[in-house]
Protein backbone atom coordinates (compact mmCIF):
# COMPACT_ATOMS: atom_id res chain seq x y z
CA UNK A 1 129.52 107.85 94.62
CA UNK A 2 131.13 104.88 96.81
CA UNK A 3 129.74 104.34 100.15
CA UNK A 4 132.40 104.59 102.54
CA UNK A 5 131.46 101.96 105.34
CA UNK A 6 129.11 99.22 104.80
CA UNK A 7 125.61 99.11 106.48
CA UNK A 8 123.96 96.42 107.61
CA UNK A 9 120.60 97.08 105.73
CA UNK A 10 117.62 95.11 107.23
CA UNK A 11 115.87 94.60 104.50
CA UNK A 12 115.61 90.85 105.67
CA UNK A 13 114.51 91.74 109.30
CA UNK A 14 112.93 94.34 108.22
CA UNK A 15 115.21 97.13 110.22
CA UNK A 16 114.70 100.78 108.90
CA UNK A 17 117.74 102.04 111.22
CA UNK A 18 117.32 105.43 108.72
CA UNK A 19 120.33 104.14 106.86
CA UNK A 20 121.79 107.68 106.11
CA UNK A 21 124.21 108.49 103.22
CA UNK A 22 125.93 111.77 102.57
CA UNK A 23 128.71 113.36 100.35
CA UNK A 24 129.79 108.87 100.53
CA UNK A 25 130.01 109.36 104.58
CA UNK A 26 127.92 107.30 106.64
CA UNK A 27 125.74 109.41 108.90
CA UNK A 28 123.13 106.49 110.50
CA UNK A 29 120.78 107.27 113.48
CA UNK A 30 122.97 105.37 115.93
CA UNK A 31 125.79 108.19 115.21
CA UNK A 32 123.01 111.28 114.69
CA UNK A 33 122.66 113.39 111.76
CA UNK A 34 125.49 114.73 109.47
CA UNK A 35 127.04 117.86 110.50
CA UNK A 36 125.49 121.66 109.04
CA UNK A 37 126.33 121.75 105.42
CA UNK A 38 125.07 124.03 102.59
CA UNK A 39 122.17 122.59 100.65
CA UNK A 40 123.27 120.51 97.79
CA UNK A 41 123.56 122.13 94.28
CA UNK A 42 123.16 125.57 95.93
CA UNK A 43 126.10 127.53 94.49
CA UNK A 44 128.72 129.35 97.24
CA UNK A 45 127.28 132.46 98.20
CA UNK A 46 123.79 132.20 96.52
CA UNK A 47 120.49 130.71 97.66
CA UNK A 48 118.28 129.10 95.06
CA UNK A 49 114.44 130.24 95.14
CA UNK A 50 113.65 126.78 96.59
CA UNK A 51 116.86 126.65 99.23
CA UNK A 52 116.32 125.79 102.75
CA UNK A 53 115.84 128.74 104.99
CA UNK A 54 114.09 130.77 102.27
CA UNK A 55 111.01 128.82 102.49
CA UNK A 56 108.17 129.19 104.97
CA UNK A 57 106.16 126.24 106.30
CA UNK A 58 102.27 126.59 105.46
CA UNK A 59 100.53 125.34 108.56
CA UNK A 60 101.42 127.50 111.44
CA UNK A 61 103.94 126.05 114.11
CA UNK A 62 104.76 123.17 111.59
CA UNK A 63 108.32 122.73 110.24
CA UNK A 64 109.18 123.02 106.23
CA UNK A 65 111.08 120.29 104.45
CA UNK A 66 112.77 121.56 101.15
CA UNK A 67 114.05 119.46 98.88
CA UNK A 68 116.05 121.29 96.38
CA UNK A 69 117.40 118.45 94.46
CA UNK A 70 113.60 117.61 93.47
CA UNK A 71 112.60 121.24 93.76
CA UNK A 72 109.69 120.12 96.73
CA UNK A 73 108.55 121.07 99.79
CA UNK A 74 106.27 119.90 102.48
CA UNK A 75 105.54 120.19 106.17
CA UNK A 76 105.75 118.42 109.07
CA UNK A 77 104.57 118.74 112.69
CA UNK A 78 107.18 120.68 115.28
CA UNK A 79 107.78 117.09 117.18
CA UNK A 80 109.33 115.89 113.70
CA UNK A 81 112.83 115.75 113.21
CA UNK A 82 113.94 117.11 109.90
CA UNK A 83 117.58 116.46 108.34
CA UNK A 84 119.54 117.96 105.88
CA UNK A 85 118.13 117.94 102.41
CA UNK A 86 121.50 116.26 101.00
CA UNK A 87 121.08 113.07 103.13
CA UNK A 88 119.69 109.91 101.51
CA UNK A 89 117.59 107.56 103.61
CA UNK A 90 116.70 104.13 102.83
CA UNK A 91 117.02 100.31 102.68
CA UNK A 92 119.96 98.32 101.12
CA UNK A 93 119.82 95.13 99.57
CA UNK A 94 121.07 92.37 102.29
CA UNK A 95 122.97 90.44 99.73
CA UNK A 96 125.05 93.46 98.63
CA UNK A 97 124.71 96.75 101.50
CA UNK A 98 126.29 99.03 99.37
CA UNK A 99 123.38 98.65 96.96
CA UNK A 100 120.35 100.89 97.78
CA UNK A 101 116.73 99.37 97.41
CA UNK A 102 114.62 102.26 98.40
CA UNK A 103 115.11 105.34 99.57
CA UNK A 104 114.71 109.57 99.70
CA UNK A 105 116.42 112.26 100.51
CA UNK A 106 115.82 115.47 102.74
CA UNK A 107 114.22 112.75 105.30
CA UNK A 108 112.09 113.94 108.21
CA UNK A 109 111.36 111.71 111.28
CA UNK A 110 108.98 110.98 114.13
CA UNK A 111 110.46 109.41 116.84
CA UNK A 112 113.89 108.61 115.31
CA UNK A 113 115.19 106.55 117.87
CA UNK A 114 111.80 105.05 118.35
CA UNK A 115 113.51 100.93 118.72
CA UNK A 116 116.93 100.05 118.77
CA UNK A 117 118.26 96.63 117.61
CA UNK A 118 121.71 95.08 116.95
CA UNK A 119 120.63 93.24 113.90
CA UNK A 120 123.06 91.20 113.50
CA UNK A 121 124.91 90.56 116.87
CA UNK A 122 127.58 92.41 115.48
CA UNK A 123 127.58 95.26 118.62
CA UNK A 124 126.44 97.77 115.66
CA UNK A 125 123.05 99.21 117.12
CA UNK A 126 120.35 100.46 114.67
CA UNK A 127 118.12 102.85 115.76
CA UNK A 128 115.05 102.89 114.23
CA UNK A 129 112.26 105.44 113.44
CA UNK A 130 108.49 104.67 114.39
CA UNK A 131 107.70 106.76 111.16
CA UNK A 132 109.87 108.48 108.17
CA UNK A 133 108.85 111.04 105.36
CA UNK A 134 110.64 112.38 102.01
CA UNK A 135 110.80 113.02 98.29
CA UNK A 136 112.53 110.81 95.74
CA UNK A 137 112.82 110.58 91.79
CA UNK A 138 111.01 108.24 89.65
CA UNK A 139 113.05 108.32 86.42
CA UNK A 140 111.41 106.49 83.94
CA UNK A 141 108.12 106.43 84.73
CA UNK A 142 104.91 107.24 82.59
CA UNK A 143 102.50 107.99 84.92
CA UNK A 144 101.76 109.34 88.51
CA UNK A 145 99.75 106.15 88.84
CA UNK A 146 102.56 104.29 88.37
CA UNK A 147 104.81 106.11 90.59
CA UNK A 148 102.34 105.88 93.12
CA UNK A 149 101.88 102.33 92.90
CA UNK A 150 105.71 101.53 93.04
CA UNK A 151 106.98 103.76 95.98
CA UNK A 152 104.50 102.79 98.11
CA UNK A 153 104.32 98.90 97.75
CA UNK A 154 108.18 99.54 97.79
CA UNK A 155 108.45 101.21 101.01
CA UNK A 156 106.21 98.70 102.67
CA UNK A 157 108.05 95.84 101.75
CA UNK A 158 111.37 96.82 102.57
CA UNK A 159 110.65 98.24 105.74
CA UNK A 160 108.19 95.56 107.46
CA UNK A 161 107.40 92.26 104.65
CA UNK A 162 110.98 91.79 103.44
CA UNK A 163 111.81 88.71 101.88
CA UNK A 164 107.96 88.14 101.98
CA UNK A 165 106.25 90.00 99.07
CA UNK A 166 102.70 88.16 99.62
CA UNK A 167 101.88 90.14 102.59
CA UNK A 168 102.05 93.66 101.10
CA UNK A 169 98.77 94.39 99.94
CA UNK A 170 97.95 98.02 98.21
CA UNK A 171 94.69 99.77 97.44
CA UNK A 172 94.24 101.59 93.57
CA UNK A 173 95.48 105.03 92.87
CA UNK A 174 93.37 108.02 93.57
CA UNK A 175 93.64 111.60 92.13
CA UNK A 176 94.52 113.82 94.38
CA UNK A 177 95.19 117.90 94.01
CA UNK A 178 97.20 119.48 97.12
CA UNK A 179 96.68 122.72 98.63
CA UNK A 180 98.84 124.56 96.46
CA UNK A 181 97.47 123.03 93.41
CA UNK A 182 100.02 120.18 92.82
CA UNK A 183 98.11 117.42 91.03
CA UNK A 184 98.98 113.58 91.02
CA UNK A 185 97.85 110.33 92.47
CA UNK A 186 98.60 108.46 95.42
CA UNK A 187 98.85 105.00 96.63
CA UNK A 188 98.21 103.35 99.99
CA UNK A 189 100.20 100.12 100.83
CA UNK A 190 100.29 97.63 104.03
CA UNK A 191 101.63 94.96 105.01
CA UNK A 192 99.14 91.95 106.82
CA UNK A 193 101.07 89.71 109.02
CA UNK A 194 104.73 90.70 109.27
CA UNK A 195 106.98 88.33 111.51
CA UNK A 196 107.95 89.51 114.70
CA UNK A 197 111.27 88.19 114.73
CA UNK A 198 112.60 90.51 116.54
CA UNK A 199 111.50 93.26 119.24
CA UNK A 200 111.17 96.08 116.57
CA UNK A 201 109.60 93.99 113.90
CA UNK A 202 105.81 94.13 112.59
CA UNK A 203 103.32 95.65 110.28
CA UNK A 204 103.03 98.85 108.78
CA UNK A 205 102.03 100.71 105.67
CA UNK A 206 103.26 103.26 103.29
CA UNK A 207 101.87 106.17 101.31
CA UNK A 208 103.07 107.52 97.89
CA UNK A 209 102.14 110.87 96.16
CA UNK A 210 103.40 110.75 92.44
CA UNK A 211 103.38 114.38 90.56
CA UNK A 212 105.85 116.43 88.42
CA UNK A 213 107.88 119.32 89.41
CA UNK A 214 108.55 122.26 87.35
CA UNK A 215 110.74 120.79 85.24
CA UNK A 216 108.17 117.79 84.09
CA UNK A 217 110.02 115.21 85.92
CA UNK A 218 107.94 112.68 87.66
CA UNK A 219 108.59 112.81 91.43
CA UNK A 220 107.25 111.30 94.39
CA UNK A 221 106.75 112.19 98.25
CA UNK A 222 106.48 109.30 100.56
CA UNK A 223 105.84 108.38 104.00
CA UNK A 224 106.01 105.16 106.13
CA UNK A 225 105.30 103.97 109.54
CA UNK A 226 105.16 101.18 112.13
CA UNK A 227 100.95 100.69 112.69
CA UNK A 228 99.66 98.91 115.99
CA UNK A 229 101.94 100.25 118.42
CA UNK A 230 101.63 102.90 120.80
CA UNK A 231 102.16 106.34 119.10
CA UNK A 232 101.77 105.34 115.61
CA UNK A 233 101.10 107.80 113.37
CA UNK A 234 97.71 108.64 112.58
CA UNK A 235 96.30 108.41 108.53
CA UNK A 236 94.46 111.71 109.18
CA UNK A 237 97.92 113.54 110.05
CA UNK A 238 99.23 112.01 107.21
CA UNK A 239 97.04 113.13 104.50
CA UNK A 240 97.21 116.64 106.37
CA UNK A 241 100.92 116.56 105.83
CA UNK A 242 100.31 115.36 102.21
CA UNK A 243 98.22 118.06 101.73
CA UNK A 244 101.03 120.66 102.18
CA UNK A 245 103.13 119.39 99.48
CA UNK A 246 104.04 122.06 96.52
CA UNK A 247 106.66 122.97 94.17
CA UNK A 248 109.93 124.84 95.57
CA UNK A 249 111.71 126.59 92.62
CA UNK A 250 113.83 124.48 89.70
CA UNK A 251 115.47 121.59 90.67
CA UNK A 252 119.12 121.41 91.33
CA UNK A 253 121.11 118.68 90.69
CA UNK A 254 122.45 116.47 93.12
CA UNK A 255 125.84 114.15 92.70
CA UNK A 256 123.96 111.58 95.01
CA UNK A 257 121.84 109.36 92.54
CA UNK A 258 120.86 106.38 94.91
CA UNK A 259 116.83 106.84 94.84
CA UNK A 260 115.83 103.71 93.61
CA UNK A 261 112.93 101.67 93.78
CA UNK A 262 112.23 97.90 92.48
CA UNK A 263 109.47 96.87 90.84
CA UNK A 264 106.13 96.14 92.86
CA UNK A 265 106.02 93.10 95.25
């Protein structure tokens, strides 16, 4: 589906700005989240087993993030902002702003307007989150190790490093089982020496957990966030969020097929 408006990506200047799309309409961080709507794929008048509102958090006081498209759920702390599951958030190509490079659906943000920037001097202000998490597909993957490495490095590169691939570093895949018994692998990636060419730029890190949903399709839970700044999300908190990842009903097809991952840097 065509994107109705051109949004300045911010890959080259590492501006996340929460580029959000829903049903072909732009709903970016500057304009606020899109209006309320039924979960994508839920038939009118019915609720799928994993539909938002029917799934409860496993951590008392936290919020649940449900992604019907992939049949997954996880929890985030109460001060995080959870957007609608049919919303896509990610980064687009500098040379082709309508082409997503990496993204996820059903995003949650920590300090969604942590830093604001008019990256191109065109009067359009990007609101940049301190951190974000969500779930994405991994079509064509062969192993959970591959899913984790490609996803983690893609987020670290797009959010903090572009166009300098050399500053992206990553660890070896680690086998992991969530508290709900979901088995897979995670990889942590980071930037070392990101250019601080604007007030919102700097180093950051990402983690991705590759696993299979109820249909046997590879998917990834992911997180990315700035490091070295006040209020940065701690590693132990991110790992606690990861521990809550679980399956939530069978995946429901979604017309927005923008979730992409480039080869690792």
